[in-house]
Amino acid sequence: MSKTTKFILILLSICTGFFVITFTVYIFNLDMKLTAMIEPFLLKHYDRIERDRHL
């Protein structure tokens, strides 16, 4: 197998793996499920921040 063919196969397998991962995240809405898990921690953090309420 030549270096070019090997490189193309590796590149194709990486692209296929990336597509499978992103497709799985999209189908199962995993990004929003992760955001929903992190939201309470973010709210607690941002509620503690001092705010300058002067206009």
N, C-alpha and C. Protein backbone atom coordinates (compact mmCIF):
# COMPACT_ATOMS: atom_id res chain seq x y z
N MET A 1 0.85 -1.18 0.00
CA MET A 1 0.00 0.00 0.00
C MET A 1 0.89 1.24 0.00
N SER A 2 0.59 2.18 -0.83
CA SER A 2 1.41 3.39 -0.90
C SER A 2 1.05 4.34 0.23
N LYS A 3 1.92 5.31 0.46
CA LYS A 3 1.70 6.28 1.53
C LYS A 3 0.45 7.11 1.27
N THR A 4 0.19 7.43 0.01
CA THR A 4 -0.97 8.25 -0.33
C THR A 4 -2.26 7.49 -0.02
N THR A 5 -2.32 6.22 -0.39
CA THR A 5 -3.51 5.41 -0.12
C THR A 5 -3.72 5.25 1.37
N LYS A 6 -2.63 5.02 2.10
CA LYS A 6 -2.73 4.86 3.55
C LYS A 6 -3.22 6.16 4.19
N PHE A 7 -2.69 7.29 3.72
CA PHE A 7 -3.11 8.60 4.25
C PHE A 7 -4.60 8.84 3.97
N ILE A 8 -5.05 8.52 2.77
CA ILE A 8 -6.46 8.72 2.41
C ILE A 8 -7.36 7.83 3.26
N LEU A 9 -6.96 6.60 3.50
CA LEU A 9 -7.77 5.70 4.34
C LEU A 9 -7.84 6.19 5.78
N ILE A 10 -6.72 6.68 6.30
CA ILE A 10 -6.72 7.22 7.67
C ILE A 10 -7.60 8.45 7.75
N LEU A 11 -7.47 9.35 6.77
CA LEU A 11 -8.29 10.56 6.74
C LEU A 11 -9.78 10.22 6.62
N LEU A 12 -10.10 9.25 5.78
CA LEU A 12 -11.49 8.83 5.61
C LEU A 12 -12.04 8.21 6.89
N SER A 13 -11.25 7.42 7.60
CA SER A 13 -11.71 6.80 8.84
C SER A 13 -11.90 7.85 9.93
N ILE A 14 -11.03 8.86 9.97
CA ILE A 14 -11.19 9.93 10.96
C ILE A 14 -12.46 10.72 10.67
N CYS A 15 -12.70 11.05 9.41
CA CYS A 15 -13.91 11.79 9.04
C CYS A 15 -15.17 10.98 9.32
N THR A 16 -15.13 9.70 9.06
CA THR A 16 -16.28 8.84 9.34
C THR A 16 -16.55 8.76 10.84
N GLY A 17 -15.50 8.61 11.64
CA GLY A 17 -15.65 8.58 13.09
C GLY A 17 -16.21 9.87 13.63
N PHE A 18 -15.73 11.00 13.11
CA PHE A 18 -16.24 12.30 13.52
C PHE A 18 -17.72 12.44 13.17
N PHE A 19 -18.09 11.99 11.97
CA PHE A 19 -19.49 12.06 11.57
C PHE A 19 -20.37 11.20 12.47
N VAL A 20 -19.93 10.00 12.79
CA VAL A 20 -20.72 9.11 13.65
C VAL A 20 -20.92 9.73 15.03
N ILE A 21 -19.87 10.31 15.57
CA ILE A 21 -19.97 10.93 16.90
C ILE A 21 -20.93 12.12 16.87
N THR A 22 -20.77 13.01 15.90
CA THR A 22 -21.64 14.18 15.84
C THR A 22 -23.08 13.80 15.51
N PHE A 23 -23.28 12.78 14.71
CA PHE A 23 -24.63 12.32 14.39
C PHE A 23 -25.30 11.75 15.63
N THR A 24 -24.56 11.00 16.43
CA THR A 24 -25.11 10.45 17.67
C THR A 24 -25.50 11.56 18.64
N VAL A 25 -24.65 12.57 18.76
CA VAL A 25 -24.96 13.71 19.63
C VAL A 25 -26.22 14.41 19.14
N TYR A 26 -26.36 14.57 17.84
CA TYR A 26 -27.53 15.25 17.27
C TYR A 26 -28.81 14.44 17.48
N ILE A 27 -28.77 13.15 17.19
CA ILE A 27 -29.97 12.31 17.27
C ILE A 27 -30.49 12.24 18.71
N PHE A 28 -29.59 12.06 19.67
CA PHE A 28 -30.03 11.90 21.05
C PHE A 28 -30.05 13.22 21.83
N ASN A 29 -29.80 14.35 21.16
CA ASN A 29 -29.86 15.67 21.77
C ASN A 29 -28.96 15.75 23.00
N LEU A 30 -27.77 15.18 22.90
CA LEU A 30 -26.88 15.08 24.06
C LEU A 30 -26.30 16.42 24.48
N ASP A 31 -26.17 17.35 23.56
CA ASP A 31 -25.63 18.65 23.93
C ASP A 31 -26.58 19.38 24.88
N MET A 32 -27.86 19.33 24.63
CA MET A 32 -28.81 20.01 25.51
C MET A 32 -28.99 19.25 26.83
N LYS A 33 -28.85 17.94 26.81
CA LYS A 33 -28.92 17.18 28.06
C LYS A 33 -27.72 17.52 28.95
N LEU A 34 -26.55 17.69 28.34
CA LEU A 34 -25.38 18.09 29.11
C LEU A 34 -25.55 19.50 29.65
N THR A 35 -26.10 20.39 28.84
CA THR A 35 -26.36 21.76 29.29
C THR A 35 -27.34 21.78 30.45
N ALA A 36 -28.35 20.95 30.40
CA ALA A 36 -29.33 20.88 31.49
C ALA A 36 -28.69 20.37 32.78
N MET A 37 -27.70 19.48 32.66
CA MET A 37 -27.01 18.99 33.85
C MET A 37 -26.11 20.07 34.46
N ILE A 38 -25.50 20.88 33.62
CA ILE A 38 -24.56 21.88 34.08
C ILE A 38 -25.26 23.15 34.57
N GLU A 39 -26.49 23.39 34.13
CA GLU A 39 -27.19 24.64 34.43
C GLU A 39 -27.28 24.99 35.91
N PRO A 40 -27.60 24.06 36.81
CA PRO A 40 -27.67 24.45 38.24
C PRO A 40 -26.33 25.00 38.77
N PHE A 41 -25.21 24.42 38.33
CA PHE A 41 -23.91 24.90 38.77
C PHE A 41 -23.63 26.30 38.21
N LEU A 42 -24.02 26.52 36.96
CA LEU A 42 -23.81 27.83 36.35
C LEU A 42 -24.68 28.88 37.03
N LEU A 43 -25.92 28.54 37.32
CA LEU A 43 -26.81 29.49 37.99
C LEU A 43 -26.28 29.85 39.37
N LYS A 44 -25.78 28.86 40.10
CA LYS A 44 -25.23 29.12 41.42
C LYS A 44 -24.02 30.05 41.32
N HIS A 45 -23.20 29.83 40.32
CA HIS A 45 -22.01 30.67 40.11
C HIS A 45 -22.41 32.11 39.77
N TYR A 46 -23.31 32.27 38.82
CA TYR A 46 -23.66 33.62 38.37
C TYR A 46 -24.55 34.35 39.37
N ASP A 47 -25.24 33.63 40.25
CA ASP A 47 -26.01 34.30 41.28
C ASP A 47 -25.11 34.92 42.35
N ARG A 48 -23.89 34.42 42.50
CA ARG A 48 -22.97 34.94 43.51
C ARG A 48 -22.21 36.18 43.04
N ILE A 49 -22.22 36.45 41.77
CA ILE A 49 -21.44 37.56 41.23
C ILE A 49 -22.06 38.89 41.66
N GLU A 50 -21.17 39.79 42.14
CA GLU A 50 -21.64 41.12 42.51
C GLU A 50 -22.00 41.89 41.24
N ARG A 51 -23.11 42.61 41.30
CA ARG A 51 -23.56 43.36 40.14
C ARG A 51 -23.55 44.85 40.44
N ASP A 52 -23.12 45.61 39.48
CA ASP A 52 -23.15 47.06 39.60
C ASP A 52 -24.49 47.53 39.01
N ARG A 53 -25.41 47.94 39.87
CA ARG A 53 -26.75 48.27 39.43
C ARG A 53 -26.96 49.77 39.25
N HIS A 54 -25.88 50.54 39.23
CA HIS A 54 -26.00 51.97 39.05
C HIS A 54 -26.16 52.30 37.59
N LEU A 55 -27.06 53.24 37.32
CA LEU A 55 -27.27 53.64 35.93
C LEU A 55 -26.45 54.85 35.59
